[in-house]
Amino acid sequence: MKKLGFGCMRLPVLGESKDFMSAEDIDLAQFCQMVDRFMERGFTYFDTSYVYHNGKSEVFLKEALVKRYPRESFLLADKLPTFSITRPEQVSAIFEEQLERWEDPSPGYVLS
């Protein structure tokens, strides 16, 4: 495995947003091109987090990668925002929300 990861903290956005971290209008077409180029070059590791782009990073990564490539062709890390957790019960609630974002209704899909 090649050792370069694709971090999805700052994705291409539509418009003139100055705050890329919180911008939610992600340019899906450009992001798909970036993912394709990364995969074509033999890289397979992607990294995102619950908080990137106000939670939209996970949603758009699902569209650009998970729905377009076989699950066995990439590695995906999704971080839990421990820095913003103030109560123990938040851990399960946030984790469950993350799992829901990755769910795919197609038969045979396995989240691993």
PDB file of N, CA and C in Angstrom:
ATOM      1  N   MET A   1       0.835  -1.174   0.000  1.00  0.00           N
ATOM      2  CA  MET A   1       0.000   0.000   0.000  1.00  0.00           C
ATOM      3  C   MET A   1       0.884   1.242   0.000  1.00  0.00           C
ATOM      4  N   LYS A   2       0.525   2.182  -0.849  1.00  0.00           N
ATOM      5  CA  LYS A   2       1.229   3.457  -0.860  1.00  0.00           C
ATOM      6  C   LYS A   2       0.895   4.214   0.413  1.00  0.00           C
ATOM      7  N   LYS A   3       1.796   5.053   0.861  1.00  0.00           N
ATOM      8  CA  LYS A   3       1.671   5.649   2.183  1.00  0.00           C
ATOM      9  C   LYS A   3       1.222   7.099   2.190  1.00  0.00           C
ATOM     10  N   LEU A   4       0.445   7.498   1.233  1.00  0.00           N
ATOM     11  CA  LEU A   4      -0.097   8.849   1.226  1.00  0.00           C
ATOM     12  C   LEU A   4      -1.598   8.757   1.424  1.00  0.00           C
ATOM     13  N   GLY A   5      -2.131   9.564   2.322  1.00  0.00           N
ATOM     14  CA  GLY A   5      -3.568   9.554   2.573  1.00  0.00           C
ATOM     15  C   GLY A   5      -4.233  10.779   1.994  1.00  0.00           C
ATOM     16  N   PHE A   6      -5.485  10.634   1.649  1.00  0.00           N
ATOM     17  CA  PHE A   6      -6.299  11.736   1.133  1.00  0.00           C
ATOM     18  C   PHE A   6      -7.129  12.258   2.294  1.00  0.00           C
ATOM     19  N   GLY A   7      -6.742  13.391   2.842  1.00  0.00           N
ATOM     20  CA  GLY A   7      -7.467  13.998   3.943  1.00  0.00           C
ATOM     21  C   GLY A   7      -8.623  14.830   3.420  1.00  0.00           C
ATOM     22  N   CYS A   8      -9.771  14.675   4.003  1.00  0.00           N
ATOM     23  CA  CYS A   8     -10.983  15.354   3.517  1.00  0.00           C
ATOM     24  C   CYS A   8     -11.436  16.462   4.463  1.00  0.00           C
ATOM     25  N   MET A   9     -10.458  17.156   5.042  1.00  0.00           N
ATOM     26  CA  MET A   9     -10.769  18.260   5.940  1.00  0.00           C
ATOM     27  C   MET A   9     -11.159  19.504   5.148  1.00  0.00           C
ATOM     28  N   ARG A  10     -10.501  19.732   4.028  1.00  0.00           N
ATOM     29  CA  ARG A  10     -10.781  20.908   3.192  1.00  0.00           C
ATOM     30  C   ARG A  10     -11.043  20.438   1.770  1.00  0.00           C
ATOM     31  N   LEU A  11     -12.307  20.344   1.429  1.00  0.00           N
ATOM     32  CA  LEU A  11     -12.711  19.889   0.108  1.00  0.00           C
ATOM     33  C   LEU A  11     -12.991  21.093  -0.784  1.00  0.00           C
ATOM     34  N   PRO A  12     -12.986  20.891  -2.107  1.00  0.00           N
ATOM     35  CA  PRO A  12     -13.295  22.018  -2.998  1.00  0.00           C
ATOM     36  C   PRO A  12     -14.745  22.458  -2.790  1.00  0.00           C
ATOM     37  N   VAL A  13     -14.942  23.759  -2.710  1.00  0.00           N
ATOM     38  CA  VAL A  13     -16.282  24.282  -2.471  1.00  0.00           C
ATOM     39  C   VAL A  13     -16.744  25.163  -3.623  1.00  0.00           C
ATOM     40  N   LEU A  14     -18.047  25.253  -3.750  1.00  0.00           N
ATOM     41  CA  LEU A  14     -18.655  26.136  -4.737  1.00  0.00           C
ATOM     42  C   LEU A  14     -18.732  27.534  -4.147  1.00  0.00           C
ATOM     43  N   GLY A  15     -18.659  28.522  -4.979  1.00  0.00           N
ATOM     44  CA  GLY A  15     -18.800  29.891  -4.500  1.00  0.00           C
ATOM     45  C   GLY A  15     -17.513  30.433  -3.918  1.00  0.00           C
ATOM     46  N   GLU A  16     -17.665  31.442  -3.101  1.00  0.00           N
ATOM     47  CA  GLU A  16     -16.517  32.185  -2.597  1.00  0.00           C
ATOM     48  C   GLU A  16     -16.295  32.000  -1.102  1.00  0.00           C
ATOM     49  N   SER A  17     -16.584  30.832  -0.589  1.00  0.00           N
ATOM     50  CA  SER A  17     -16.443  30.614   0.846  1.00  0.00           C
ATOM     51  C   SER A  17     -15.009  30.829   1.290  1.00  0.00           C
ATOM     52  N   LYS A  18     -14.834  31.577   2.349  1.00  0.00           N
ATOM     53  CA  LYS A  18     -13.496  31.821   2.899  1.00  0.00           C
ATOM     54  C   LYS A  18     -13.160  30.795   3.976  1.00  0.00           C
ATOM     55  N   ASP A  19     -14.187  30.166   4.536  1.00  0.00           N
ATOM     56  CA  ASP A  19     -13.980  29.200   5.604  1.00  0.00           C
ATOM     57  C   ASP A  19     -14.241  27.792   5.067  1.00  0.00           C
ATOM     58  N   PHE A  20     -13.206  27.181   4.496  1.00  0.00           N
ATOM     59  CA  PHE A  20     -13.362  25.878   3.858  1.00  0.00           C
ATOM     60  C   PHE A  20     -13.766  24.790   4.846  1.00  0.00           C
ATOM     61  N   MET A  21     -13.354  24.911   6.084  1.00  0.00           N
ATOM     62  CA  MET A  21     -13.657  23.873   7.071  1.00  0.00           C
ATOM     63  C   MET A  21     -15.158  23.786   7.346  1.00  0.00           C
ATOM     64  N   SER A  22     -15.844  24.916   7.363  1.00  0.00           N
ATOM     65  CA  SER A  22     -17.268  24.868   7.687  1.00  0.00           C
ATOM     66  C   SER A  22     -18.155  24.990   6.456  1.00  0.00           C
ATOM     67  N   ALA A  23     -17.585  25.257   5.295  1.00  0.00           N
ATOM     68  CA  ALA A  23     -18.387  25.370   4.079  1.00  0.00           C
ATOM     69  C   ALA A  23     -19.085  24.044   3.783  1.00  0.00           C
ATOM     70  N   GLU A  24     -20.348  24.129   3.406  1.00  0.00           N
ATOM     71  CA  GLU A  24     -21.126  22.926   3.136  1.00  0.00           C
ATOM     72  C   GLU A  24     -21.416  22.729   1.653  1.00  0.00           C
ATOM     73  N   ASP A  25     -21.171  23.743   0.831  1.00  0.00           N
ATOM     74  CA  ASP A  25     -21.417  23.633  -0.606  1.00  0.00           C
ATOM     75  C   ASP A  25     -20.186  23.062  -1.303  1.00  0.00           C
ATOM     76  N   ILE A  26     -20.018  21.768  -1.175  1.00  0.00           N
ATOM     77  CA  ILE A  26     -18.854  21.094  -1.732  1.00  0.00           C
ATOM     78  C   ILE A  26     -19.069  20.870  -3.224  1.00  0.00           C
ATOM     79  N   ASP A  27     -18.022  21.078  -4.001  1.00  0.00           N
ATOM     80  CA  ASP A  27     -18.060  20.870  -5.445  1.00  0.00           C
ATOM     81  C   ASP A  27     -17.871  19.375  -5.704  1.00  0.00           C
ATOM     82  N   LEU A  28     -18.967  18.648  -5.803  1.00  0.00           N
ATOM     83  CA  LEU A  28     -18.915  17.193  -5.941  1.00  0.00           C
ATOM     84  C   LEU A  28     -18.200  16.765  -7.209  1.00  0.00           C
ATOM     85  N   ALA A  29     -18.427  17.444  -8.323  1.00  0.00           N
ATOM     86  CA  ALA A  29     -17.771  17.064  -9.584  1.00  0.00           C
ATOM     87  C   ALA A  29     -16.249  17.147  -9.451  1.00  0.00           C
ATOM     88  N   GLN A  30     -15.761  18.231  -8.881  1.00  0.00           N
ATOM     89  CA  GLN A  30     -14.315  18.384  -8.714  1.00  0.00           C
ATOM     90  C   GLN A  30     -13.783  17.380  -7.699  1.00  0.00           C
ATOM     91  N   PHE A  31     -14.527  17.161  -6.641  1.00  0.00           N
ATOM     92  CA  PHE A  31     -14.108  16.196  -5.627  1.00  0.00           C
ATOM     93  C   PHE A  31     -14.021  14.794  -6.230  1.00  0.00           C
ATOM     94  N   CYS A  32     -14.988  14.414  -7.048  1.00  0.00           N
ATOM     95  CA  CYS A  32     -14.950  13.098  -7.718  1.00  0.00           C
ATOM     96  C   CYS A  32     -13.703  12.976  -8.596  1.00  0.00           C
ATOM     97  N   GLN A  33     -13.356  14.026  -9.304  1.00  0.00           N
ATOM     98  CA  GLN A  33     -12.146  14.014 -10.140  1.00  0.00           C
ATOM     99  C   GLN A  33     -10.900  13.820  -9.278  1.00  0.00           C
ATOM    100  N   MET A  34     -10.868  14.479  -8.137  1.00  0.00           N
ATOM    101  CA  MET A  34      -9.726  14.338  -7.230  1.00  0.00           C
ATOM    102  C   MET A  34      -9.618  12.911  -6.703  1.00  0.00           C
ATOM    103  N   VAL A  35     -10.741  12.328  -6.298  1.00  0.00           N
ATOM    104  CA  VAL A  35     -10.764  10.948  -5.805  1.00  0.00           C
ATOM    105  C   VAL A  35     -10.314  10.002  -6.920  1.00  0.00           C
ATOM    106  N   ASP A  36     -10.830  10.196  -8.119  1.00  0.00           N
ATOM    107  CA  ASP A  36     -10.459   9.335  -9.258  1.00  0.00           C
ATOM    108  C   ASP A  36      -8.959   9.381  -9.527  1.00  0.00           C
ATOM    109  N   ARG A  37      -8.412  10.571  -9.516  1.00  0.00           N
ATOM    110  CA  ARG A  37      -6.973  10.725  -9.791  1.00  0.00           C
ATOM    111  C   ARG A  37      -6.148  10.042  -8.700  1.00  0.00           C
ATOM    112  N   PHE A  38      -6.547  10.212  -7.467  1.00  0.00           N
ATOM    113  CA  PHE A  38      -5.863   9.595  -6.330  1.00  0.00           C
ATOM    114  C   PHE A  38      -5.877   8.073  -6.471  1.00  0.00           C
ATOM    115  N   MET A  39      -7.054   7.524  -6.755  1.00  0.00           N
ATOM    116  CA  MET A  39      -7.182   6.073  -6.912  1.00  0.00           C
ATOM    117  C   MET A  39      -6.406   5.570  -8.135  1.00  0.00           C
ATOM    118  N   GLU A  40      -6.461   6.301  -9.239  1.00  0.00           N
ATOM    119  CA  GLU A  40      -5.727   5.905 -10.458  1.00  0.00           C
ATOM    120  C   GLU A  40      -4.229   5.799 -10.202  1.00  0.00           C
ATOM    121  N   ARG A  41      -3.741   6.606  -9.296  1.00  0.00           N
ATOM    122  CA  ARG A  41      -2.306   6.602  -8.975  1.00  0.00           C
ATOM    123  C   ARG A  41      -1.932   5.511  -7.973  1.00  0.00           C
ATOM    124  N   GLY A  42      -2.913   4.727  -7.545  1.00  0.00           N
ATOM    125  CA  GLY A  42      -2.635   3.601  -6.656  1.00  0.00           C
ATOM    126  C   GLY A  42      -2.728   3.904  -5.177  1.00  0.00           C
ATOM    127  N   PHE A  43      -3.227   5.071  -4.828  1.00  0.00           N
ATOM    128  CA  PHE A  43      -3.406   5.413  -3.416  1.00  0.00           C
ATOM    129  C   PHE A  43      -4.805   4.993  -2.980  1.00  0.00           C
ATOM    130  N   THR A  44      -4.930   4.565  -1.726  1.00  0.00           N
ATOM    131  CA  THR A  44      -6.202   3.979  -1.307  1.00  0.00           C
ATOM    132  C   THR A  44      -6.699   4.438   0.060  1.00  0.00           C
ATOM    133  N   TYR A  45      -5.947   5.262   0.774  1.00  0.00           N
ATOM    134  CA  TYR A  45      -6.304   5.628   2.144  1.00  0.00           C
ATOM    135  C   TYR A  45      -6.986   6.989   2.183  1.00  0.00           C
ATOM    136  N   PHE A  46      -8.190   7.048   2.764  1.00  0.00           N
ATOM    137  CA  PHE A  46      -8.964   8.276   2.881  1.00  0.00           C
ATOM    138  C   PHE A  46      -9.262   8.537   4.352  1.00  0.00           C
ATOM    139  N   ASP A  47      -9.258   9.808   4.714  1.00  0.00           N
ATOM    140  CA  ASP A  47      -9.440  10.209   6.106  1.00  0.00           C
ATOM    141  C   ASP A  47     -10.461  11.334   6.186  1.00  0.00           C
ATOM    142  N   THR A  48     -11.439  11.175   7.066  1.00  0.00           N
ATOM    143  CA  THR A  48     -12.425  12.223   7.274  1.00  0.00           C
ATOM    144  C   THR A  48     -12.771  12.287   8.759  1.00  0.00           C
ATOM    145  N   SER A  49     -13.690  13.151   9.097  1.00  0.00           N
ATOM    146  CA  SER A  49     -14.119  13.283  10.492  1.00  0.00           C
ATOM    147  C   SER A  49     -15.559  13.769  10.538  1.00  0.00           C
ATOM    148  N   TYR A  50     -16.194  13.479  11.630  1.00  0.00           N
ATOM    149  CA  TYR A  50     -17.572  13.879  11.909  1.00  0.00           C
ATOM    150  C   TYR A  50     -17.754  15.389  11.756  1.00  0.00           C
ATOM    151  N   VAL A  51     -16.750  16.163  12.080  1.00  0.00           N
ATOM    152  CA  VAL A  51     -16.900  17.625  12.103  1.00  0.00           C
ATOM    153  C   VAL A  51     -16.472  18.341  10.820  1.00  0.00           C
ATOM    154  N   TYR A  52     -15.744  17.691   9.934  1.00  0.00           N
ATOM    155  CA  TYR A  52     -15.260  18.381   8.730  1.00  0.00           C
ATOM    156  C   TYR A  52     -16.437  18.868   7.888  1.00  0.00           C
ATOM    157  N   HIS A  53     -16.372  20.084   7.457  1.00  0.00           N
ATOM    158  CA  HIS A  53     -17.424  20.703   6.637  1.00  0.00           C
ATOM    159  C   HIS A  53     -18.805  20.545   7.281  1.00  0.00           C
ATOM    160  N   ASN A  54     -18.852  20.743   8.583  1.00  0.00           N
ATOM    161  CA  ASN A  54     -20.118  20.614   9.328  1.00  0.00           C
ATOM    162  C   ASN A  54     -20.795  19.270   9.091  1.00  0.00           C
ATOM    163  N   GLY A  55     -19.999  18.222   9.003  1.00  0.00           N
ATOM    164  CA  GLY A  55     -20.539  16.884   8.805  1.00  0.00           C
ATOM    165  C   GLY A  55     -20.749  16.502   7.351  1.00  0.00           C
ATOM    166  N   LYS A  56     -20.543  17.430   6.446  1.00  0.00           N
ATOM    167  CA  LYS A  56     -20.779  17.156   5.025  1.00  0.00           C
ATOM    168  C   LYS A  56     -19.624  16.402   4.376  1.00  0.00           C
ATOM    169  N   SER A  57     -18.449  16.417   4.972  1.00  0.00           N
ATOM    170  CA  SER A  57     -17.324  15.679   4.413  1.00  0.00           C
ATOM    171  C   SER A  57     -17.656  14.194   4.299  1.00  0.00           C
ATOM    172  N   GLU A  58     -18.260  13.627   5.355  1.00  0.00           N
ATOM    173  CA  GLU A  58     -18.641  12.211   5.327  1.00  0.00           C
ATOM    174  C   GLU A  58     -19.659  11.958   4.216  1.00  0.00           C
ATOM    175  N   VAL A  59     -20.628  12.845   4.105  1.00  0.00           N
ATOM    176  CA  VAL A  59     -21.692  12.688   3.109  1.00  0.00           C
ATOM    177  C   VAL A  59     -21.120  12.729   1.692  1.00  0.00           C
ATOM    178  N   PHE A  60     -20.256  13.687   1.425  1.00  0.00           N
ATOM    179  CA  PHE A  60     -19.704  13.826   0.080  1.00  0.00           C
ATOM    180  C   PHE A  60     -18.654  12.763  -0.218  1.00  0.00           C
ATOM    181  N   LEU A  61     -17.924  12.312   0.803  1.00  0.00           N
ATOM    182  CA  LEU A  61     -16.971  11.219   0.582  1.00  0.00           C
ATOM    183  C   LEU A  61     -17.720   9.936   0.237  1.00  0.00           C
ATOM    184  N   LYS A  62     -18.866   9.756   0.825  1.00  0.00           N
ATOM    185  CA  LYS A  62     -19.700   8.598   0.477  1.00  0.00           C
ATOM    186  C   LYS A  62     -20.067   8.665  -1.010  1.00  0.00           C
ATOM    187  N   GLU A  63     -20.448   9.857  -1.474  1.00  0.00           N
ATOM    188  CA  GLU A  63     -20.837  10.019  -2.880  1.00  0.00           C
ATOM    189  C   GLU A  63     -19.651   9.848  -3.831  1.00  0.00           C
ATOM    190  N   ALA A  64     -18.523  10.448  -3.486  1.00  0.00           N
ATOM    191  CA  ALA A  64     -17.369  10.462  -4.389  1.00  0.00           C
ATOM    192  C   ALA A  64     -16.557   9.176  -4.364  1.00  0.00           C
ATOM    193  N   LEU A  65     -16.585   8.453  -3.259  1.00  0.00           N
ATOM    194  CA  LEU A  65     -15.753   7.259  -3.119  1.00  0.00           C
ATOM    195  C   LEU A  65     -16.573   5.993  -2.891  1.00  0.00           C
ATOM    196  N   VAL A  66     -17.309   5.957  -1.800  1.00  0.00           N
ATOM    197  CA  VAL A  66     -17.976   4.724  -1.360  1.00  0.00           C
ATOM    198  C   VAL A  66     -18.977   4.215  -2.385  1.00  0.00           C
ATOM    199  N   LYS A  67     -19.744   5.109  -2.973  1.00  0.00           N
ATOM    200  CA  LYS A  67     -20.748   4.680  -3.956  1.00  0.00           C
ATOM    201  C   LYS A  67     -20.154   4.405  -5.336  1.00  0.00           C
ATOM    202  N   ARG A  68     -18.906   4.802  -5.560  1.00  0.00           N
ATOM    203  CA  ARG A  68     -18.326   4.690  -6.901  1.00  0.00           C
ATOM    204  C   ARG A  68     -17.212   3.656  -7.018  1.00  0.00           C
ATOM    205  N   TYR A  69     -16.721   3.163  -5.897  1.00  0.00           N
ATOM    206  CA  TYR A  69     -15.617   2.203  -5.920  1.00  0.00           C
ATOM    207  C   TYR A  69     -15.972   0.999  -5.063  1.00  0.00           C
ATOM    208  N   PRO A  70     -15.483  -0.186  -5.436  1.00  0.00           N
ATOM    209  CA  PRO A  70     -15.737  -1.375  -4.611  1.00  0.00           C
ATOM    210  C   PRO A  70     -15.139  -1.185  -3.217  1.00  0.00           C
ATOM    211  N   ARG A  71     -15.852  -1.630  -2.211  1.00  0.00           N
ATOM    212  CA  ARG A  71     -15.438  -1.428  -0.821  1.00  0.00           C
ATOM    213  C   ARG A  71     -14.038  -1.958  -0.539  1.00  0.00           C
ATOM    214  N   GLU A  72     -13.656  -3.047  -1.179  1.00  0.00           N
ATOM    215  CA  GLU A  72     -12.344  -3.633  -0.909  1.00  0.00           C
ATOM    216  C   GLU A  72     -11.194  -2.857  -1.562  1.00  0.00           C
ATOM    217  N   SER A  73     -11.513  -1.821  -2.340  1.00  0.00           N
ATOM    218  CA  SER A  73     -10.456  -1.095  -3.054  1.00  0.00           C
ATOM    219  C   SER A  73      -9.905   0.108  -2.295  1.00  0.00           C
ATOM    220  N   PHE A  74     -10.415   0.394  -1.101  1.00  0.00           N
ATOM    221  CA  PHE A  74      -9.930   1.551  -0.356  1.00  0.00           C
ATOM    222  C   PHE A  74     -10.019   1.319   1.153  1.00  0.00           C
ATOM    223  N   LEU A  75      -9.255   2.116   1.889  1.00  0.00           N
ATOM    224  CA  LEU A  75      -9.311   2.141   3.352  1.00  0.00           C
ATOM    225  C   LEU A  75      -9.868   3.493   3.746  1.00  0.00           C
ATOM    226  N   LEU A  76     -10.733   3.493   4.740  1.00  0.00           N
ATOM    227  CA  LEU A  76     -11.392   4.726   5.134  1.00  0.00           C
ATOM    228  C   LEU A  76     -11.345   4.878   6.650  1.00  0.00           C
ATOM    229  N   ALA A  77     -10.838   6.017   7.096  1.00  0.00           N
ATOM    230  CA  ALA A  77     -10.824   6.338   8.523  1.00  0.00           C
ATOM    231  C   ALA A  77     -11.766   7.509   8.755  1.00  0.00           C
ATOM    232  N   ASP A  78     -12.625   7.374   9.752  1.00  0.00           N
ATOM    233  CA  ASP A  78     -13.563   8.435  10.108  1.00  0.00           C
ATOM    234  C   ASP A  78     -13.402   8.686  11.602  1.00  0.00           C
ATOM    235  N   LYS A  79     -12.975   9.882  11.943  1.00  0.00           N
ATOM    236  CA  LYS A  79     -12.635  10.172  13.332  1.00  0.00           C
ATOM    237  C   LYS A  79     -13.831  10.671  14.145  1.00  0.00           C
ATOM    238  N   LEU A  80     -13.861  10.249  15.399  1.00  0.00           N
ATOM    239  CA  LEU A  80     -14.846  10.698  16.367  1.00  0.00           C
ATOM    240  C   LEU A  80     -14.295  11.983  16.998  1.00  0.00           C
ATOM    241  N   PRO A  81     -15.100  13.034  17.107  1.00  0.00           N
ATOM    242  CA  PRO A  81     -14.591  14.314  17.615  1.00  0.00           C
ATOM    243  C   PRO A  81     -14.489  14.347  19.141  1.00  0.00           C
ATOM    244  N   THR A  82     -13.511  13.640  19.681  1.00  0.00           N
ATOM    245  CA  THR A  82     -13.382  13.547  21.134  1.00  0.00           C
ATOM    246  C   THR A  82     -13.176  14.910  21.791  1.00  0.00           C
ATOM    247  N   PHE A  83     -12.625  15.867  21.071  1.00  0.00           N
ATOM    248  CA  PHE A  83     -12.377  17.201  21.631  1.00  0.00           C
ATOM    249  C   PHE A  83     -13.667  17.951  21.960  1.00  0.00           C
ATOM    250  N   SER A  84     -14.772  17.554  21.324  1.00  0.00           N
ATOM    251  CA  SER A  84     -16.019  18.272  21.570  1.00  0.00           C
ATOM    252  C   SER A  84     -17.017  17.475  22.414  1.00  0.00           C
ATOM    253  N   ILE A  85     -16.605  16.316  22.879  1.00  0.00           N
ATOM    254  CA  ILE A  85     -17.487  15.486  23.706  1.00  0.00           C
ATOM    255  C   ILE A  85     -17.359  15.914  25.159  1.00  0.00           C
ATOM    256  N   THR A  86     -18.492  16.262  25.755  1.00  0.00           N
ATOM    257  CA  THR A  86     -18.484  16.723  27.144  1.00  0.00           C
ATOM    258  C   THR A  86     -19.206  15.767  28.087  1.00  0.00           C
ATOM    259  N   ARG A  87     -19.973  14.831  27.525  1.00  0.00           N
ATOM    260  CA  ARG A  87     -20.715  13.858  28.337  1.00  0.00           C
ATOM    261  C   ARG A  87     -20.539  12.466  27.723  1.00  0.00           C
ATOM    262  N   PRO A  88     -20.399  11.437  28.539  1.00  0.00           N
ATOM    263  CA  PRO A  88     -20.182  10.083  28.024  1.00  0.00           C
ATOM    264  C   PRO A  88     -21.239   9.618  27.014  1.00  0.00           C
ATOM    265  N   GLU A  89     -22.500   9.999  27.219  1.00  0.00           N
ATOM    266  CA  GLU A  89     -23.563   9.532  26.319  1.00  0.00           C
ATOM    267  C   GLU A  89     -23.433  10.105  24.905  1.00  0.00           C
ATOM    268  N   GLN A  90     -22.664  11.169  24.750  1.00  0.00           N
ATOM    269  CA  GLN A  90     -22.463  11.739  23.416  1.00  0.00           C
ATOM    270  C   GLN A  90     -21.667  10.791  22.516  1.00  0.00           C
ATOM    271  N   VAL A  91     -20.804   9.995  23.108  1.00  0.00           N
ATOM    272  CA  VAL A  91     -19.964   9.086  22.314  1.00  0.00           C
ATOM    273  C   VAL A  91     -20.831   8.172  21.466  1.00  0.00           C
ATOM    274  N   SER A  92     -21.775   7.459  22.103  1.00  0.00           N
ATOM    275  CA  SER A  92     -22.616   6.536  21.330  1.00  0.00           C
ATOM    276  C   SER A  92     -23.507   7.262  20.351  1.00  0.00           C
ATOM    277  N   ALA A  93     -24.031   8.406  20.740  1.00  0.00           N
ATOM    278  CA  ALA A  93     -24.932   9.150  19.849  1.00  0.00           C
ATOM    279  C   ALA A  93     -24.197   9.607  18.591  1.00  0.00           C
ATOM    280  N   ILE A  94     -23.008  10.147  18.754  1.00  0.00           N
ATOM    281  CA  ILE A  94     -22.234  10.611  17.592  1.00  0.00           C
ATOM    282  C   ILE A  94     -21.798   9.425  16.743  1.00  0.00           C
ATOM    283  N   PHE A  95     -21.342   8.350  17.401  1.00  0.00           N
ATOM    284  CA  PHE A  95     -20.913   7.164  16.656  1.00  0.00           C
ATOM    285  C   PHE A  95     -22.070   6.589  15.840  1.00  0.00           C
ATOM    286  N   GLU A  96     -23.250   6.506  16.429  1.00  0.00           N
ATOM    287  CA  GLU A  96     -24.425   6.003  15.699  1.00  0.00           C
ATOM    288  C   GLU A  96     -24.769   6.904  14.508  1.00  0.00           C
ATOM    289  N   GLU A  97     -24.641   8.213  14.697  1.00  0.00           N
ATOM    290  CA  GLU A  97     -24.903   9.136  13.590  1.00  0.00           C
ATOM    291  C   GLU A  97     -23.886   8.939  12.473  1.00  0.00           C
ATOM    292  N   GLN A  98     -22.627   8.717  12.843  1.00  0.00           N
ATOM    293  CA  GLN A  98     -21.611   8.436  11.823  1.00  0.00           C
ATOM    294  C   GLN A  98     -21.959   7.172  11.048  1.00  0.00           C
ATOM    295  N   LEU A  99     -22.352   6.125  11.740  1.00  0.00           N
ATOM    296  CA  LEU A  99     -22.715   4.876  11.058  1.00  0.00           C
ATOM    297  C   LEU A  99     -23.892   5.098  10.103  1.00  0.00           C
ATOM    298  N   GLU A 100     -24.865   5.877  10.531  1.00  0.00           N
ATOM    299  CA  GLU A 100     -26.016   6.157   9.672  1.00  0.00           C
ATOM    300  C   GLU A 100     -25.601   6.890   8.404  1.00  0.00           C
ATOM    301  N   ARG A 101     -24.636   7.786   8.511  1.00  0.00           N
ATOM    302  CA  ARG A 101     -24.161   8.519   7.330  1.00  0.00           C
ATOM    303  C   ARG A 101     -23.523   7.589   6.306  1.00  0.00           C
ATOM    304  N   TRP A 102     -22.905   6.503   6.778  1.00  0.00           N
ATOM    305  CA  TRP A 102     -22.223   5.580   5.860  1.00  0.00           C
ATOM    306  C   TRP A 102     -23.125   4.469   5.348  1.00  0.00           C
ATOM    307  N   GLU A 103     -24.291   4.293   5.949  1.00  0.00           N
ATOM    308  CA  GLU A 103     -25.162   3.190   5.536  1.00  0.00           C
ATOM    309  C   GLU A 103     -25.499   3.280   4.063  1.00  0.00           C
ATOM    310  N   ASP A 104     -25.579   2.119   3.452  1.00  0.00           N
ATOM    311  CA  ASP A 104     -25.949   2.020   2.049  1.00  0.00           C
ATOM    312  C   ASP A 104     -27.051   0.979   1.958  1.00  0.00           C
ATOM    313  N   PRO A 105     -28.189   1.333   1.411  1.00  0.00           N
ATOM    314  CA  PRO A 105     -29.304   0.390   1.374  1.00  0.00           C
ATOM    315  C   PRO A 105     -29.124  -0.754   0.387  1.00  0.00           C
ATOM    316  N   SER A 106     -28.070  -0.724  -0.421  1.00  0.00           N
ATOM    317  CA  SER A 106     -27.932  -1.794  -1.411  1.00  0.00           C
ATOM    318  C   SER A 106     -27.608  -3.113  -0.735  1.00  0.00           C
ATOM    319  N   PRO A 107     -28.185  -4.218  -1.249  1.00  0.00           N
ATOM    320  CA  PRO A 107     -27.968  -5.532  -0.642  1.00  0.00           C
ATOM    321  C   PRO A 107     -26.501  -5.952  -0.725  1.00  0.00           C
ATOM    322  N   GLY A 108     -26.038  -6.592   0.292  1.00  0.00           N
ATOM    323  CA  GLY A 108     -24.675  -7.125   0.288  1.00  0.00           C
ATOM    324  C   GLY A 108     -23.613  -6.136   0.710  1.00  0.00           C
ATOM    325  N   TYR A 109     -23.978  -4.883   0.953  1.00  0.00           N
ATOM    326  CA  TYR A 109     -22.988  -3.895   1.363  1.00  0.00           C
ATOM    327  C   TYR A 109     -22.644  -4.113   2.835  1.00  0.00           C
ATOM    328  N   VAL A 110     -21.378  -4.150   3.122  1.00  0.00           N
ATOM    329  CA  VAL A 110     -20.934  -4.362   4.497  1.00  0.00           C
ATOM    330  C   VAL A 110     -20.026  -3.213   4.894  1.00  0.00           C
ATOM    331  N   LEU A 111     -20.334  -2.570   5.991  1.00  0.00           N
ATOM    332  CA  LEU A 111     -19.488  -1.513   6.530  1.00  0.00           C
ATOM    333  C   LEU A 111     -18.445  -2.173   7.394  1.00  0.00           C
ATOM    334  N   SER A 112     -17.182  -1.958   7.062  1.00  0.00           N
ATOM    335  CA  SER A 112     -16.104  -2.552   7.884  1.00  0.00           C
ATOM    336  C   SER A 112     -14.958  -1.599   8.037  1.00  0.00           C
TER     337      SER A 112
END
